[in-house]
Amino acid sequence: MVEVLVPGGGTPTPTEFRFDSAHTLLIGDEALMFGCGPVATHKLVKAGL
């Protein structure tokens, strides 16, 4: 099964609640993250990945 997660929708000016964009493609046990900004690691932990 393939899932697409968007843990960050993105904004040109990050705020306290809005960060850079991030996209994650889940294929089986593999997670591929792309288009991610500097808050990507935090978003992975928050998503439970």
PDB file of N, CA and C in Angstrom:
ATOM      1  N   MET A   1       0.838  -1.179   0.000  1.00  0.00           N
ATOM      2  CA  MET A   1       0.000   0.000   0.000  1.00  0.00           C
ATOM      3  C   MET A   1       0.888   1.249   0.000  1.00  0.00           C
ATOM      4  N   VAL A   2       0.482   2.244  -0.736  1.00  0.00           N
ATOM      5  CA  VAL A   2       1.230   3.499  -0.820  1.00  0.00           C
ATOM      6  C   VAL A   2       0.400   4.612  -0.194  1.00  0.00           C
ATOM      7  N   GLU A   3       1.039   5.412   0.656  1.00  0.00           N
ATOM      8  CA  GLU A   3       0.386   6.564   1.277  1.00  0.00           C
ATOM      9  C   GLU A   3       1.238   7.794   1.038  1.00  0.00           C
ATOM     10  N   VAL A   4       0.583   8.930   0.887  1.00  0.00           N
ATOM     11  CA  VAL A   4       1.279  10.209   0.776  1.00  0.00           C
ATOM     12  C   VAL A   4       0.878  11.058   1.973  1.00  0.00           C
ATOM     13  N   LEU A   5       1.858  11.504   2.736  1.00  0.00           N
ATOM     14  CA  LEU A   5       1.609  12.375   3.882  1.00  0.00           C
ATOM     15  C   LEU A   5       2.151  13.766   3.572  1.00  0.00           C
ATOM     16  N   VAL A   6       1.440  14.771   4.027  1.00  0.00           N
ATOM     17  CA  VAL A   6       1.900  16.154   3.900  1.00  0.00           C
ATOM     18  C   VAL A   6       1.986  16.717   5.312  1.00  0.00           C
ATOM     19  N   PRO A   7       3.099  16.403   6.028  1.00  0.00           N
ATOM     20  CA  PRO A   7       3.214  16.868   7.409  1.00  0.00           C
ATOM     21  C   PRO A   7       3.444  18.370   7.536  1.00  0.00           C
ATOM     22  N   GLY A   8       3.728  19.028   6.430  1.00  0.00           N
ATOM     23  CA  GLY A   8       3.866  20.490   6.441  1.00  0.00           C
ATOM     24  C   GLY A   8       3.354  21.048   5.133  1.00  0.00           C
ATOM     25  N   GLY A   9       2.324  21.891   5.190  1.00  0.00           N
ATOM     26  CA  GLY A   9       1.744  22.460   3.981  1.00  0.00           C
ATOM     27  C   GLY A   9       2.565  23.586   3.386  1.00  0.00           C
ATOM     28  N   GLY A  10       3.368  24.205   4.204  1.00  0.00           N
ATOM     29  CA  GLY A  10       4.284  25.230   3.732  1.00  0.00           C
ATOM     30  C   GLY A  10       3.741  26.640   3.797  1.00  0.00           C
ATOM     31  N   THR A  11       4.647  27.563   3.919  1.00  0.00           N
ATOM     32  CA  THR A  11       4.349  28.988   3.917  1.00  0.00           C
ATOM     33  C   THR A  11       5.629  29.729   3.562  1.00  0.00           C
ATOM     34  N   PRO A  12       5.542  30.832   2.826  1.00  0.00           N
ATOM     35  CA  PRO A  12       6.764  31.561   2.494  1.00  0.00           C
ATOM     36  C   PRO A  12       7.417  32.228   3.703  1.00  0.00           C
ATOM     37  N   THR A  13       6.619  32.523   4.734  1.00  0.00           N
ATOM     38  CA  THR A  13       7.141  33.146   5.947  1.00  0.00           C
ATOM     39  C   THR A  13       6.760  32.281   7.144  1.00  0.00           C
ATOM     40  N   PRO A  14       7.668  31.431   7.654  1.00  0.00           N
ATOM     41  CA  PRO A  14       7.338  30.575   8.791  1.00  0.00           C
ATOM     42  C   PRO A  14       6.888  31.389  10.004  1.00  0.00           C
ATOM     43  N   THR A  15       5.922  30.838  10.727  1.00  0.00           N
ATOM     44  CA  THR A  15       5.421  31.452  11.955  1.00  0.00           C
ATOM     45  C   THR A  15       5.512  30.425  13.070  1.00  0.00           C
ATOM     46  N   GLU A  16       4.950  30.728  14.212  1.00  0.00           N
ATOM     47  CA  GLU A  16       4.959  29.790  15.338  1.00  0.00           C
ATOM     48  C   GLU A  16       4.230  28.490  14.994  1.00  0.00           C
ATOM     49  N   PHE A  17       3.218  28.554  14.139  1.00  0.00           N
ATOM     50  CA  PHE A  17       2.396  27.381  13.838  1.00  0.00           C
ATOM     51  C   PHE A  17       2.517  26.897  12.396  1.00  0.00           C
ATOM     52  N   ARG A  18       3.174  27.637  11.522  1.00  0.00           N
ATOM     53  CA  ARG A  18       3.312  27.260  10.112  1.00  0.00           C
ATOM     54  C   ARG A  18       4.798  27.169   9.759  1.00  0.00           C
ATOM     55  N   PHE A  19       5.162  26.068   9.098  1.00  0.00           N
ATOM     56  CA  PHE A  19       6.559  25.824   8.766  1.00  0.00           C
ATOM     57  C   PHE A  19       6.716  25.585   7.269  1.00  0.00           C
ATOM     58  N   ASP A  20       7.932  25.284   6.832  1.00  0.00           N
ATOM     59  CA  ASP A  20       8.187  24.938   5.438  1.00  0.00           C
ATOM     60  C   ASP A  20       7.414  23.681   5.063  1.00  0.00           C
ATOM     61  N   SER A  21       7.294  23.453   3.764  1.00  0.00           N
ATOM     62  CA  SER A  21       6.567  22.271   3.306  1.00  0.00           C
ATOM     63  C   SER A  21       7.393  21.006   3.521  1.00  0.00           C
ATOM     64  N   ALA A  22       6.705  19.883   3.568  1.00  0.00           N
ATOM     65  CA  ALA A  22       7.339  18.569   3.675  1.00  0.00           C
ATOM     66  C   ALA A  22       6.356  17.544   3.122  1.00  0.00           C
ATOM     67  N   HIS A  23       6.863  16.579   2.388  1.00  0.00           N
ATOM     68  CA  HIS A  23       6.029  15.533   1.810  1.00  0.00           C
ATOM     69  C   HIS A  23       6.696  14.191   2.073  1.00  0.00           C
ATOM     70  N   THR A  24       5.886  13.202   2.436  1.00  0.00           N
ATOM     71  CA  THR A  24       6.410  11.875   2.739  1.00  0.00           C
ATOM     72  C   THR A  24       5.624  10.837   1.963  1.00  0.00           C
ATOM     73  N   LEU A  25       6.324   9.957   1.290  1.00  0.00           N
ATOM     74  CA  LEU A  25       5.724   8.859   0.556  1.00  0.00           C
ATOM     75  C   LEU A  25       6.004   7.590   1.349  1.00  0.00           C
ATOM     76  N   LEU A  26       4.949   6.895   1.792  1.00  0.00           N
ATOM     77  CA  LEU A  26       5.096   5.651   2.546  1.00  0.00           C
ATOM     78  C   LEU A  26       4.802   4.475   1.621  1.00  0.00           C
ATOM     79  N   ILE A  27       5.789   3.588   1.476  1.00  0.00           N
ATOM     80  CA  ILE A  27       5.632   2.389   0.662  1.00  0.00           C
ATOM     81  C   ILE A  27       6.042   1.213   1.534  1.00  0.00           C
ATOM     82  N   GLY A  28       5.072   0.457   2.008  1.00  0.00           N
ATOM     83  CA  GLY A  28       5.371  -0.636   2.927  1.00  0.00           C
ATOM     84  C   GLY A  28       6.017  -0.099   4.187  1.00  0.00           C
ATOM     85  N   ASP A  29       7.220  -0.601   4.499  1.00  0.00           N
ATOM     86  CA  ASP A  29       7.953  -0.155   5.686  1.00  0.00           C
ATOM     87  C   ASP A  29       8.896   1.013   5.396  1.00  0.00           C
ATOM     88  N   GLU A  30       8.935   1.472   4.158  1.00  0.00           N
ATOM     89  CA  GLU A  30       9.843   2.549   3.764  1.00  0.00           C
ATOM     90  C   GLU A  30       9.137   3.900   3.784  1.00  0.00           C
ATOM     91  N   ALA A  31       9.835   4.921   4.263  1.00  0.00           N
ATOM     92  CA  ALA A  31       9.330   6.294   4.250  1.00  0.00           C
ATOM     93  C   ALA A  31      10.328   7.156   3.487  1.00  0.00           C
ATOM     94  N   LEU A  32       9.874   7.773   2.405  1.00  0.00           N
ATOM     95  CA  LEU A  32      10.720   8.655   1.605  1.00  0.00           C
ATOM     96  C   LEU A  32      10.214  10.076   1.787  1.00  0.00           C
ATOM     97  N   MET A  33      11.074  10.945   2.294  1.00  0.00           N
ATOM     98  CA  MET A  33      10.672  12.321   2.544  1.00  0.00           C
ATOM     99  C   MET A  33      11.365  13.220   1.537  1.00  0.00           C
ATOM    100  N   PHE A  34      10.604  14.136   0.936  1.00  0.00           N
ATOM    101  CA  PHE A  34      11.178  15.042  -0.046  1.00  0.00           C
ATOM    102  C   PHE A  34      10.506  16.406   0.039  1.00  0.00           C
ATOM    103  N   GLY A  35      11.148  17.395  -0.547  1.00  0.00           N
ATOM    104  CA  GLY A  35      10.638  18.757  -0.510  1.00  0.00           C
ATOM    105  C   GLY A  35      10.524  19.281   0.908  1.00  0.00           C
ATOM    106  N   CYS A  36      11.456  18.898   1.763  1.00  0.00           N
ATOM    107  CA  CYS A  36      11.316  19.232   3.181  1.00  0.00           C
ATOM    108  C   CYS A  36      12.239  20.377   3.585  1.00  0.00           C
ATOM    109  N   GLY A  37      11.760  21.157   4.518  1.00  0.00           N
ATOM    110  CA  GLY A  37      12.527  22.279   5.044  1.00  0.00           C
ATOM    111  C   GLY A  37      13.254  21.893   6.323  1.00  0.00           C
ATOM    112  N   PRO A  38      13.770  22.864   7.055  1.00  0.00           N
ATOM    113  CA  PRO A  38      14.582  22.598   8.236  1.00  0.00           C
ATOM    114  C   PRO A  38      13.821  22.012   9.425  1.00  0.00           C
ATOM    115  N   VAL A  39      12.504  21.978   9.386  1.00  0.00           N
ATOM    116  CA  VAL A  39      11.723  21.455  10.515  1.00  0.00           C
ATOM    117  C   VAL A  39      11.323  19.995  10.253  1.00  0.00           C
ATOM    118  N   ALA A  40      11.891  19.382   9.210  1.00  0.00           N
ATOM    119  CA  ALA A  40      11.492  18.043   8.792  1.00  0.00           C
ATOM    120  C   ALA A  40      11.634  16.993   9.888  1.00  0.00           C
ATOM    121  N   THR A  41      12.722  17.002  10.629  1.00  0.00           N
ATOM    122  CA  THR A  41      12.920  16.006  11.686  1.00  0.00           C
ATOM    123  C   THR A  41      11.836  16.115  12.746  1.00  0.00           C
ATOM    124  N   HIS A  42      11.500  17.313  13.145  1.00  0.00           N
ATOM    125  CA  HIS A  42      10.425  17.529  14.123  1.00  0.00           C
ATOM    126  C   HIS A  42       9.108  16.972  13.588  1.00  0.00           C
ATOM    127  N   LYS A  43       8.818  17.190  12.314  1.00  0.00           N
ATOM    128  CA  LYS A  43       7.576  16.710  11.714  1.00  0.00           C
ATOM    129  C   LYS A  43       7.549  15.185  11.641  1.00  0.00           C
ATOM    130  N   LEU A  44       8.688  14.547  11.395  1.00  0.00           N
ATOM    131  CA  LEU A  44       8.742  13.083  11.382  1.00  0.00           C
ATOM    132  C   LEU A  44       8.390  12.512  12.748  1.00  0.00           C
ATOM    133  N   VAL A  45       8.952  13.085  13.791  1.00  0.00           N
ATOM    134  CA  VAL A  45       8.670  12.617  15.153  1.00  0.00           C
ATOM    135  C   VAL A  45       7.201  12.844  15.485  1.00  0.00           C
ATOM    136  N   LYS A  46       6.676  14.002  15.145  1.00  0.00           N
ATOM    137  CA  LYS A  46       5.272  14.323  15.432  1.00  0.00           C
ATOM    138  C   LYS A  46       4.326  13.373  14.701  1.00  0.00           C
ATOM    139  N   ALA A  47       4.709  12.932  13.486  1.00  0.00           N
ATOM    140  CA  ALA A  47       3.887  12.010  12.712  1.00  0.00           C
ATOM    141  C   ALA A  47       4.067  10.560  13.154  1.00  0.00           C
ATOM    142  N   GLY A  48       4.984  10.314  14.095  1.00  0.00           N
ATOM    143  CA  GLY A  48       5.208   8.956  14.592  1.00  0.00           C
ATOM    144  C   GLY A  48       6.017   8.093  13.648  1.00  0.00           C
ATOM    145  N   LEU A  49       6.819   8.714  12.800  1.00  0.00           N
ATOM    146  CA  LEU A  49       7.630   7.941  11.843  1.00  0.00           C
ATOM    147  C   LEU A  49       8.999   7.727  12.401  1.00  0.00           C
TER     148      LEU A  49
END
